[in-house]
Amino acid sequence: MNYLELVNDMLIETDYSDQITTVVGLTDDELRASIWVRDAWTQIQRQERWSFMAKEGNLFTVVGQSTYDLGDISYVVAPLLTAPTVNRVDPTSFRNETSEIYMRGVSTNNLRWQTDTGSARLIAVNPDRSFVLGPIPSAVESLSMDTWTNPVILSDDTDVPSMEPQYHKAIVWLAIANYAREQGGEWAGLRQTALHEYRIMLINLSNDYLPIMDRKVGLLRY
């Protein structure tokens, strides 16, 4: 479902208002419904490091510069680089595409007073999410890494959430649950129903879009 269809689905489930033909220029009840849906999708995106938000990032080093931040990472959309929308980066995933090596993660203290220059092969991440390369780059090199994007905010009629269509209803159920919570006691039944449906879908969503946690050590038997 796109944004318009999600809002109309919420309106149908709640008998909140008549269906709408666009999310642009709304007022009163229809505007509030569109906000509940928009915020529910944002809330879901912020809950976990979902695989549907994972994306390979790219960075070109600058000669003499060892420290970079998330804003320096861009996403490749051939043939152009889009504006960066990086939220988090996996510090264990850095790759130097120029020298074709996987970079090694180290403590920031290991690179604090570095003076050596050369091809980047070490990576340290600071608490503020900036990161330091070592040695200090002596040439322009292409680095890649695994990242998670910032939440995408629904705004236009045709905007579609990035997860599979069978999970789009989770957005509607969460929007209804949040809306019912604000309406008070007489909406408690609707809230409980919406939360129940949402939690069922969230389990399936987690199974599909979160890493599988396998046991690394077998169970002990006596």
Protein backbone atom coordinates (compact mmCIF):
# COMPACT_ATOMS: atom_id res chain seq x y z
CA MET A 1 0.00 0.00 0.00
CA ASN A 2 1.13 3.54 -0.65
CA TYR A 3 0.70 6.41 1.81
CA LEU A 4 -2.77 7.33 0.51
CA GLU A 5 -3.96 3.71 0.72
CA LEU A 6 -2.56 3.33 4.24
CA VAL A 7 -4.45 6.40 5.45
CA ASN A 8 -7.68 5.21 3.82
CA ASP A 9 -7.22 1.78 5.39
CA MET A 10 -6.97 3.40 8.81
CA LEU A 11 -10.09 5.46 8.12
CA ILE A 12 -11.97 2.29 7.16
CA GLU A 13 -10.85 0.32 10.22
CA THR A 14 -11.83 3.11 12.64
CA ASP A 15 -14.87 4.61 10.89
CA TYR A 16 -12.96 7.80 11.60
CA SER A 17 -13.88 9.68 8.44
CA ASP A 18 -14.75 9.27 4.77
CA GLN A 19 -11.96 8.10 2.51
CA ILE A 20 -9.75 10.71 0.92
CA THR A 21 -8.34 11.17 -2.57
CA THR A 22 -4.99 12.72 -1.60
CA VAL A 23 -2.86 13.26 1.49
CA VAL A 24 -1.94 16.75 0.32
CA GLY A 25 -3.72 19.74 1.82
CA LEU A 26 -5.69 17.79 4.45
CA THR A 27 -7.36 19.39 7.45
CA ASP A 28 -9.08 18.30 10.67
CA ASP A 29 -9.71 14.54 11.14
CA GLU A 30 -8.18 13.51 7.82
CA LEU A 31 -4.98 15.42 8.58
CA ARG A 32 -4.73 13.76 11.99
CA ALA A 33 -5.19 10.31 10.42
CA SER A 34 -2.39 10.98 7.93
CA ILE A 35 -0.11 12.05 10.79
CA TRP A 36 -0.90 8.90 12.80
CA VAL A 37 0.03 6.73 9.79
CA ARG A 38 3.16 8.72 8.98
CA ASP A 39 4.38 8.58 12.57
CA ALA A 40 3.60 4.85 12.90
CA TRP A 41 5.84 4.05 9.92
CA THR A 42 8.61 6.21 11.38
CA GLN A 43 8.18 4.47 14.75
CA ILE A 44 8.53 1.02 13.18
CA GLN A 45 11.67 2.04 11.32
CA ARG A 46 13.28 3.28 14.53
CA GLN A 47 12.53 0.13 16.52
CA GLU A 48 15.22 -2.14 15.07
CA ARG A 49 18.10 -2.34 12.63
CA TRP A 50 15.87 -3.84 9.97
CA SER A 51 17.48 -5.45 6.93
CA PHE A 52 15.14 -3.45 4.66
CA MET A 53 16.94 -0.34 5.94
CA ALA A 54 20.43 -1.79 5.33
CA LYS A 55 22.39 -0.28 2.47
CA GLU A 56 25.97 -0.22 1.27
CA GLY A 57 27.58 3.16 1.84
CA ASN A 58 30.49 4.72 -0.04
CA LEU A 59 33.19 7.13 1.02
CA PHE A 60 36.09 8.70 -0.88
CA THR A 61 39.03 9.51 1.37
CA VAL A 62 40.64 12.93 1.40
CA VAL A 63 44.43 13.17 1.36
CA GLY A 64 45.67 14.14 4.83
CA GLN A 65 42.25 13.70 6.51
CA SER A 66 41.84 10.78 8.91
CA THR A 67 38.53 11.63 10.68
CA TYR A 68 35.12 11.47 8.96
CA ASP A 69 31.49 11.47 10.05
CA LEU A 70 28.26 9.90 8.82
CA GLY A 71 27.57 12.90 6.61
CA ASP A 72 30.61 12.02 4.53
CA ILE A 73 29.06 8.69 3.50
CA SER A 74 26.89 8.60 0.39
CA TYR A 75 24.67 6.02 -1.25
CA VAL A 76 25.26 5.13 -4.88
CA VAL A 77 22.25 5.42 -7.16
CA ALA A 78 23.77 4.96 -10.60
CA PRO A 79 25.02 7.06 -12.13
CA LEU A 80 24.84 9.73 -9.38
CA LEU A 81 25.58 9.98 -5.66
CA THR A 82 22.52 10.94 -3.63
CA ALA A 83 22.53 13.11 -0.54
CA PRO A 84 23.64 11.02 2.46
CA THR A 85 20.92 9.70 4.75
CA VAL A 86 23.03 7.42 6.96
CA ASN A 87 21.83 6.66 10.48
CA ARG A 88 24.30 4.01 11.68
CA VAL A 89 27.33 2.22 10.32
CA ASP A 90 28.70 -1.24 11.07
CA PRO A 91 32.32 -0.61 12.14
CA THR A 92 33.30 -4.21 11.37
CA SER A 93 32.25 -3.96 7.72
CA PHE A 94 34.63 -1.34 6.27
CA ARG A 95 36.26 -2.33 3.00
CA ASN A 96 38.97 -0.53 1.04
CA GLU A 97 37.78 -1.03 -2.52
CA THR A 98 40.92 0.55 -3.96
CA SER A 99 43.38 -1.81 -2.25
CA GLU A 100 40.78 -4.62 -2.09
CA ILE A 101 41.14 -5.40 1.61
CA TYR A 102 38.82 -5.69 4.59
CA MET A 103 39.81 -3.03 7.10
CA ARG A 104 40.58 -4.01 10.70
CA GLY A 105 38.72 -2.43 13.60
CA VAL A 106 40.84 -0.99 16.42
CA SER A 107 40.38 1.21 19.48
CA THR A 108 40.36 4.96 18.92
CA ASN A 109 43.33 5.17 21.27
CA ASN A 110 45.39 3.23 18.75
CA LEU A 111 44.97 6.04 16.22
CA ARG A 112 44.87 9.05 18.54
CA TRP A 113 48.40 10.31 17.83
CA GLN A 114 49.06 8.63 14.53
CA THR A 115 51.45 10.29 12.08
CA ASP A 116 51.95 7.50 9.54
CA THR A 117 50.45 8.00 6.10
CA GLY A 118 49.45 5.43 3.51
CA SER A 119 46.53 3.32 2.36
CA ALA A 120 43.65 3.09 4.86
CA ARG A 121 43.54 -0.34 6.51
CA LEU A 122 42.42 0.44 10.09
CA ILE A 123 39.10 1.84 11.33
CA ALA A 124 38.12 3.16 14.76
CA VAL A 125 34.66 4.51 15.64
CA ASN A 126 34.25 7.36 18.14
CA PRO A 127 31.37 7.62 20.64
CA ASP A 128 29.85 10.44 18.54
CA ARG A 129 29.71 8.01 15.55
CA SER A 130 32.53 9.75 13.70
CA PHE A 131 35.29 7.40 12.64
CA VAL A 132 39.05 7.51 12.21
CA LEU A 133 41.05 5.86 9.44
CA GLY A 134 44.60 4.65 9.80
CA PRO A 135 47.10 5.35 8.49
CA ILE A 136 46.29 8.93 7.47
CA PRO A 137 45.24 8.66 3.78
CA SER A 138 48.00 9.62 1.36
CA ALA A 139 45.77 9.21 -1.73
CA VAL A 140 42.11 9.29 -2.67
CA GLU A 141 40.66 5.83 -2.09
CA SER A 142 37.17 4.36 -2.33
CA LEU A 143 35.81 2.77 0.84
CA SER A 144 32.56 0.87 1.28
CA MET A 145 30.71 -0.24 4.41
CA ASP A 146 27.40 -1.62 5.63
CA THR A 147 25.00 0.97 7.00
CA TRP A 148 21.43 1.52 8.09
CA THR A 149 19.53 4.45 6.65
CA ASN A 150 17.62 7.12 8.49
CA PRO A 151 13.85 6.60 8.62
CA VAL A 152 12.02 7.60 5.44
CA ILE A 153 9.12 9.95 6.18
CA LEU A 154 5.93 9.40 4.18
CA SER A 155 4.79 12.60 2.48
CA ASP A 156 3.30 11.98 -0.99
CA ASP A 157 0.31 9.89 -2.08
CA THR A 158 2.48 7.36 -3.90
CA ASP A 159 5.17 6.93 -1.21
CA VAL A 160 5.48 3.21 -0.42
CA PRO A 161 7.10 1.74 2.73
CA SER A 162 10.26 -0.22 1.96
CA MET A 163 9.16 -3.48 3.59
CA GLU A 164 7.18 -6.16 1.73
CA PRO A 165 3.48 -5.39 1.05
CA GLN A 166 2.23 -8.17 3.32
CA TYR A 167 3.59 -6.22 6.30
CA HIS A 168 2.12 -2.83 5.41
CA LYS A 169 -0.94 -3.51 7.55
CA ALA A 170 1.35 -3.37 10.60
CA ILE A 171 1.63 0.37 10.01
CA VAL A 172 -2.14 0.72 10.06
CA TRP A 173 -2.56 -1.35 13.23
CA LEU A 174 0.13 0.64 15.05
CA ALA A 175 -1.40 3.92 13.89
CA ILE A 176 -4.81 2.79 15.18
CA ALA A 177 -3.33 1.65 18.53
CA ASN A 178 -1.57 4.99 19.02
CA TYR A 179 -4.68 6.92 18.02
CA ALA A 180 -6.93 4.88 20.35
CA ARG A 181 -4.51 5.40 23.24
CA GLU A 182 -4.92 9.16 22.93
CA GLN A 183 -8.74 8.93 22.81
CA GLY A 184 -9.10 7.48 26.31
CA GLY A 185 -10.99 4.62 27.95
CA GLU A 186 -13.85 4.24 25.51
CA TRP A 187 -11.33 3.29 22.82
CA ALA A 188 -9.56 0.69 25.00
CA GLY A 189 -11.13 -2.25 23.15
CA LEU A 190 -10.02 -0.99 19.77
CA ARG A 191 -6.55 -0.31 21.12
CA GLN A 192 -6.22 -3.87 22.46
CA THR A 193 -7.37 -5.35 19.16
CA ALA A 194 -4.99 -3.18 17.16
CA LEU A 195 -2.06 -3.99 19.45
CA HIS A 196 -2.82 -7.71 19.22
CA GLU A 197 -2.83 -7.62 15.42
CA TYR A 198 0.27 -5.43 15.33
CA ARG A 199 2.26 -7.74 17.62
CA ILE A 200 1.42 -10.78 15.48
CA MET A 201 2.69 -8.98 12.39
CA LEU A 202 5.75 -7.71 14.27
CA ILE A 203 6.79 -11.30 15.06
CA ASN A 204 6.66 -12.20 11.37
CA LEU A 205 8.37 -8.94 10.44
CA SER A 206 11.20 -9.71 12.87
CA ASN A 207 11.59 -13.22 11.48
CA ASP A 208 12.04 -11.86 7.97
CA TYR A 209 14.02 -8.67 8.57
CA LEU A 210 16.23 -9.31 11.62
CA PRO A 211 19.31 -11.56 11.81
CA ILE A 212 18.80 -15.15 12.91
CA MET A 213 20.41 -15.66 16.31
CA ASP A 214 22.01 -19.10 16.12
CA ARG A 215 23.62 -20.74 19.14
CA LYS A 216 27.39 -20.56 18.89
CA VAL A 217 27.92 -23.25 21.56
CA GLY A 218 25.95 -26.47 21.78
CA LEU A 219 23.77 -27.15 24.79
CA LEU A 220 25.56 -28.96 27.63
CA ARG A 221 24.27 -32.43 28.41
CA TYR A 222 24.90 -34.35 31.60
